[in-house]
Amino acid sequence: MKAIIRPMTDLAKKMDEIERFCIIESLPVYITKKGTGRLVVLGHETYENLMSELEKF
């Protein structure tokens, strides 16, 4: 899976771009702060699919 990595400042400045990756391309976006991973942003459908897969175990 392709990794999309963006700095924390992009959450406010480039939310449309992050949303496109998450919703249209179904990719997670890794958010960093000072070069360290802090968050992962997922589209709702991707998140629900992951949770459904986890429930199988």
PDB file of N, CA and C in Angstrom:
ATOM      1  N   MET A   1       0.844  -1.178   0.000  1.00  0.00           N
ATOM      2  CA  MET A   1       0.000   0.000   0.000  1.00  0.00           C
ATOM      3  C   MET A   1       0.888   1.241   0.000  1.00  0.00           C
ATOM      4  N   LYS A   2       0.499   2.181  -0.776  1.00  0.00           N
ATOM      5  CA  LYS A   2       1.220   3.447  -0.880  1.00  0.00           C
ATOM      6  C   LYS A   2       1.121   4.219   0.438  1.00  0.00           C
ATOM      7  N   ALA A   3       2.236   4.752   0.908  1.00  0.00           N
ATOM      8  CA  ALA A   3       2.244   5.535   2.149  1.00  0.00           C
ATOM      9  C   ALA A   3       2.173   7.023   1.828  1.00  0.00           C
ATOM     10  N   ILE A   4       1.189   7.696   2.412  1.00  0.00           N
ATOM     11  CA  ILE A   4       1.053   9.142   2.280  1.00  0.00           C
ATOM     12  C   ILE A   4       1.449   9.725   3.626  1.00  0.00           C
ATOM     13  N   ILE A   5       2.467  10.551   3.639  1.00  0.00           N
ATOM     14  CA  ILE A   5       2.969  11.138   4.885  1.00  0.00           C
ATOM     15  C   ILE A   5       2.903  12.650   4.755  1.00  0.00           C
ATOM     16  N   ARG A   6       2.286  13.281   5.746  1.00  0.00           N
ATOM     17  CA  ARG A   6       2.141  14.733   5.735  1.00  0.00           C
ATOM     18  C   ARG A   6       2.442  15.286   7.123  1.00  0.00           C
ATOM     19  N   PRO A   7       2.961  16.518   7.191  1.00  0.00           N
ATOM     20  CA  PRO A   7       3.202  17.141   8.499  1.00  0.00           C
ATOM     21  C   PRO A   7       1.891  17.594   9.139  1.00  0.00           C
ATOM     22  N   MET A   8       1.908  17.754  10.443  1.00  0.00           N
ATOM     23  CA  MET A   8       0.736  18.169  11.214  1.00  0.00           C
ATOM     24  C   MET A   8       0.112  19.456  10.665  1.00  0.00           C
ATOM     25  N   THR A   9       0.938  20.371  10.186  1.00  0.00           N
ATOM     26  CA  THR A   9       0.411  21.648   9.680  1.00  0.00           C
ATOM     27  C   THR A   9      -0.517  21.458   8.477  1.00  0.00           C
ATOM     28  N   ASP A  10      -0.365  20.356   7.750  1.00  0.00           N
ATOM     29  CA  ASP A  10      -1.229  20.099   6.594  1.00  0.00           C
ATOM     30  C   ASP A  10      -2.667  19.781   6.992  1.00  0.00           C
ATOM     31  N   LEU A  11      -2.899  19.391   8.238  1.00  0.00           N
ATOM     32  CA  LEU A  11      -4.274  19.110   8.657  1.00  0.00           C
ATOM     33  C   LEU A  11      -5.162  20.328   8.465  1.00  0.00           C
ATOM     34  N   ALA A  12      -4.646  21.488   8.729  1.00  0.00           N
ATOM     35  CA  ALA A  12      -5.428  22.716   8.550  1.00  0.00           C
ATOM     36  C   ALA A  12      -5.255  23.309   7.154  1.00  0.00           C
ATOM     37  N   LYS A  13      -4.031  23.309   6.657  1.00  0.00           N
ATOM     38  CA  LYS A  13      -3.741  23.996   5.400  1.00  0.00           C
ATOM     39  C   LYS A  13      -4.150  23.218   4.154  1.00  0.00           C
ATOM     40  N   LYS A  14      -4.104  21.890   4.222  1.00  0.00           N
ATOM     41  CA  LYS A  14      -4.350  21.068   3.034  1.00  0.00           C
ATOM     42  C   LYS A  14      -5.356  19.951   3.308  1.00  0.00           C
ATOM     43  N   MET A  15      -6.390  20.264   4.064  1.00  0.00           N
ATOM     44  CA  MET A  15      -7.373  19.247   4.423  1.00  0.00           C
ATOM     45  C   MET A  15      -8.050  18.647   3.203  1.00  0.00           C
ATOM     46  N   ASP A  16      -8.293  19.438   2.168  1.00  0.00           N
ATOM     47  CA  ASP A  16      -8.915  18.906   0.949  1.00  0.00           C
ATOM     48  C   ASP A  16      -8.056  17.812   0.327  1.00  0.00           C
ATOM     49  N   GLU A  17      -6.746  18.016   0.314  1.00  0.00           N
ATOM     50  CA  GLU A  17      -5.826  17.025  -0.238  1.00  0.00           C
ATOM     51  C   GLU A  17      -5.828  15.754   0.614  1.00  0.00           C
ATOM     52  N   ILE A  18      -5.791  15.914   1.919  1.00  0.00           N
ATOM     53  CA  ILE A  18      -5.811  14.762   2.821  1.00  0.00           C
ATOM     54  C   ILE A  18      -7.120  13.994   2.659  1.00  0.00           C
ATOM     55  N   GLU A  19      -8.217  14.721   2.564  1.00  0.00           N
ATOM     56  CA  GLU A  19      -9.522  14.089   2.371  1.00  0.00           C
ATOM     57  C   GLU A  19      -9.557  13.298   1.066  1.00  0.00           C
ATOM     58  N   ARG A  20      -8.986  13.846   0.015  1.00  0.00           N
ATOM     59  CA  ARG A  20      -8.955  13.142  -1.276  1.00  0.00           C
ATOM     60  C   ARG A  20      -8.218  11.813  -1.158  1.00  0.00           C
ATOM     61  N   PHE A  21      -7.059  11.825  -0.498  1.00  0.00           N
ATOM     62  CA  PHE A  21      -6.316  10.577  -0.314  1.00  0.00           C
ATOM     63  C   PHE A  21      -7.143   9.561   0.467  1.00  0.00           C
ATOM     64  N   CYS A  22      -7.800  10.018   1.531  1.00  0.00           N
ATOM     65  CA  CYS A  22      -8.540   9.111   2.412  1.00  0.00           C
ATOM     66  C   CYS A  22      -9.848   8.615   1.808  1.00  0.00           C
ATOM     67  N   ILE A  23     -10.603   9.500   1.194  1.00  0.00           N
ATOM     68  CA  ILE A  23     -11.934   9.149   0.701  1.00  0.00           C
ATOM     69  C   ILE A  23     -11.903   8.611  -0.725  1.00  0.00           C
ATOM     70  N   ILE A  24     -11.328   9.352  -1.629  1.00  0.00           N
ATOM     71  CA  ILE A  24     -11.367   8.961  -3.042  1.00  0.00           C
ATOM     72  C   ILE A  24     -10.386   7.831  -3.346  1.00  0.00           C
ATOM     73  N   GLU A  25      -9.182   7.916  -2.795  1.00  0.00           N
ATOM     74  CA  GLU A  25      -8.161   6.914  -3.088  1.00  0.00           C
ATOM     75  C   GLU A  25      -8.089   5.812  -2.035  1.00  0.00           C
ATOM     76  N   SER A  26      -8.877   5.922  -0.969  1.00  0.00           N
ATOM     77  CA  SER A  26      -8.925   4.921   0.115  1.00  0.00           C
ATOM     78  C   SER A  26      -7.558   4.629   0.719  1.00  0.00           C
ATOM     79  N   LEU A  27      -6.737   5.667   0.846  1.00  0.00           N
ATOM     80  CA  LEU A  27      -5.406   5.510   1.416  1.00  0.00           C
ATOM     81  C   LEU A  27      -5.336   6.146   2.797  1.00  0.00           C
ATOM     82  N   PRO A  28      -4.585   5.535   3.706  1.00  0.00           N
ATOM     83  CA  PRO A  28      -4.362   6.193   4.996  1.00  0.00           C
ATOM     84  C   PRO A  28      -3.341   7.315   4.825  1.00  0.00           C
ATOM     85  N   VAL A  29      -3.471   8.344   5.624  1.00  0.00           N
ATOM     86  CA  VAL A  29      -2.509   9.441   5.618  1.00  0.00           C
ATOM     87  C   VAL A  29      -1.853   9.478   6.991  1.00  0.00           C
ATOM     88  N   TYR A  30      -0.546   9.337   7.003  1.00  0.00           N
ATOM     89  CA  TYR A  30       0.223   9.370   8.242  1.00  0.00           C
ATOM     90  C   TYR A  30       0.608  10.818   8.523  1.00  0.00           C
ATOM     91  N   ILE A  31       0.282  11.291   9.711  1.00  0.00           N
ATOM     92  CA  ILE A  31       0.553  12.673  10.102  1.00  0.00           C
ATOM     93  C   ILE A  31       1.734  12.681  11.062  1.00  0.00           C
ATOM     94  N   THR A  32       2.712  13.536  10.760  1.00  0.00           N
ATOM     95  CA  THR A  32       3.907  13.626  11.599  1.00  0.00           C
ATOM     96  C   THR A  32       3.993  14.978  12.294  1.00  0.00           C
ATOM     97  N   LYS A  33       4.697  14.976  13.405  1.00  0.00           N
ATOM     98  CA  LYS A  33       4.989  16.214  14.124  1.00  0.00           C
ATOM     99  C   LYS A  33       6.469  16.170  14.470  1.00  0.00           C
ATOM    100  N   LYS A  34       7.200  17.148  13.960  1.00  0.00           N
ATOM    101  CA  LYS A  34       8.653  17.200  14.135  1.00  0.00           C
ATOM    102  C   LYS A  34       9.320  15.898  13.686  1.00  0.00           C
ATOM    103  N   GLY A  35       8.806  15.344  12.581  1.00  0.00           N
ATOM    104  CA  GLY A  35       9.395  14.155  11.985  1.00  0.00           C
ATOM    105  C   GLY A  35       9.012  12.840  12.636  1.00  0.00           C
ATOM    106  N   THR A  36       8.156  12.879  13.642  1.00  0.00           N
ATOM    107  CA  THR A  36       7.746  11.669  14.354  1.00  0.00           C
ATOM    108  C   THR A  36       6.276  11.383  14.062  1.00  0.00           C
ATOM    109  N   GLY A  37       5.961  10.130  13.806  1.00  0.00           N
ATOM    110  CA  GLY A  37       4.577   9.755  13.552  1.00  0.00           C
ATOM    111  C   GLY A  37       3.685  10.068  14.739  1.00  0.00           C
ATOM    112  N   ARG A  38       2.535  10.703  14.471  1.00  0.00           N
ATOM    113  CA  ARG A  38       1.607  11.085  15.542  1.00  0.00           C
ATOM    114  C   ARG A  38       0.201  10.532  15.323  1.00  0.00           C
ATOM    115  N   LEU A  39      -0.290  10.569  14.082  1.00  0.00           N
ATOM    116  CA  LEU A  39      -1.668  10.177  13.789  1.00  0.00           C
ATOM    117  C   LEU A  39      -1.736   9.429  12.466  1.00  0.00           C
ATOM    118  N   VAL A  40      -2.816   8.680  12.307  1.00  0.00           N
ATOM    119  CA  VAL A  40      -3.152   8.109  11.005  1.00  0.00           C
ATOM    120  C   VAL A  40      -4.592   8.509  10.725  1.00  0.00           C
ATOM    121  N   VAL A  41      -4.825   9.106   9.566  1.00  0.00           N
ATOM    122  CA  VAL A  41      -6.164   9.538   9.178  1.00  0.00           C
ATOM    123  C   VAL A  41      -6.686   8.557   8.131  1.00  0.00           C
ATOM    124  N   LEU A  42      -7.902   8.053   8.377  1.00  0.00           N
ATOM    125  CA  LEU A  42      -8.539   7.107   7.464  1.00  0.00           C
ATOM    126  C   LEU A  42      -9.914   7.617   7.076  1.00  0.00           C
ATOM    127  N   GLY A  43     -10.347   7.251   5.887  1.00  0.00           N
ATOM    128  CA  GLY A  43     -11.728   7.506   5.519  1.00  0.00           C
ATOM    129  C   GLY A  43     -12.639   6.591   6.324  1.00  0.00           C
ATOM    130  N   HIS A  44     -13.870   6.999   6.512  1.00  0.00           N
ATOM    131  CA  HIS A  44     -14.826   6.233   7.311  1.00  0.00           C
ATOM    132  C   HIS A  44     -15.012   4.812   6.780  1.00  0.00           C
ATOM    133  N   GLU A  45     -15.174   4.674   5.477  1.00  0.00           N
ATOM    134  CA  GLU A  45     -15.383   3.350   4.887  1.00  0.00           C
ATOM    135  C   GLU A  45     -14.173   2.447   5.107  1.00  0.00           C
ATOM    136  N   THR A  46     -12.984   2.979   4.939  1.00  0.00           N
ATOM    137  CA  THR A  46     -11.761   2.206   5.169  1.00  0.00           C
ATOM    138  C   THR A  46     -11.682   1.757   6.621  1.00  0.00           C
ATOM    139  N   TYR A  47     -11.992   2.658   7.534  1.00  0.00           N
ATOM    140  CA  TYR A  47     -11.981   2.333   8.959  1.00  0.00           C
ATOM    141  C   TYR A  47     -12.985   1.217   9.268  1.00  0.00           C
ATOM    142  N   GLU A  48     -14.207   1.343   8.761  1.00  0.00           N
ATOM    143  CA  GLU A  48     -15.237   0.328   9.012  1.00  0.00           C
ATOM    144  C   GLU A  48     -14.819  -1.027   8.448  1.00  0.00           C
ATOM    145  N   ASN A  49     -14.209  -1.034   7.272  1.00  0.00           N
ATOM    146  CA  ASN A  49     -13.726  -2.290   6.688  1.00  0.00           C
ATOM    147  C   ASN A  49     -12.643  -2.921   7.554  1.00  0.00           C
ATOM    148  N   LEU A  50     -11.735  -2.121   8.068  1.00  0.00           N
ATOM    149  CA  LEU A  50     -10.689  -2.641   8.954  1.00  0.00           C
ATOM    150  C   LEU A  50     -11.283  -3.223  10.233  1.00  0.00           C
ATOM    151  N   MET A  51     -12.251  -2.533  10.808  1.00  0.00           N
ATOM    152  CA  MET A  51     -12.890  -3.020  12.031  1.00  0.00           C
ATOM    153  C   MET A  51     -13.633  -4.332  11.778  1.00  0.00           C
ATOM    154  N   SER A  52     -14.281  -4.449  10.630  1.00  0.00           N
ATOM    155  CA  SER A  52     -14.975  -5.692  10.276  1.00  0.00           C
ATOM    156  C   SER A  52     -13.993  -6.844  10.151  1.00  0.00           C
ATOM    157  N   GLU A  53     -12.846  -6.572   9.539  1.00  0.00           N
ATOM    158  CA  GLU A  53     -11.818  -7.607   9.412  1.00  0.00           C
ATOM    159  C   GLU A  53     -11.285  -8.030  10.779  1.00  0.00           C
ATOM    160  N   LEU A  54     -11.080  -7.086  11.673  1.00  0.00           N
ATOM    161  CA  LEU A  54     -10.581  -7.406  13.011  1.00  0.00           C
ATOM    162  C   LEU A  54     -11.577  -8.235  13.811  1.00  0.00           C
ATOM    163  N   GLU A  55     -12.863  -7.990  13.621  1.00  0.00           N
ATOM    164  CA  GLU A  55     -13.892  -8.738  14.346  1.00  0.00           C
ATOM    165  C   GLU A  55     -13.891 -10.214  13.981  1.00  0.00           C
ATOM    166  N   LYS A  56     -13.348 -10.571  12.838  1.00  0.00           N
ATOM    167  CA  LYS A  56     -13.285 -11.971  12.411  1.00  0.00           C
ATOM    168  C   LYS A  56     -12.324 -12.786  13.269  1.00  0.00           C
ATOM    169  N   PHE A  57     -11.402 -12.099  13.939  1.00  0.00           N
ATOM    170  CA  PHE A  57     -10.413 -12.800  14.756  1.00  0.00           C
ATOM    171  C   PHE A  57     -10.917 -12.878  16.130  1.00  0.00           C
TER     172      PHE A  57
END
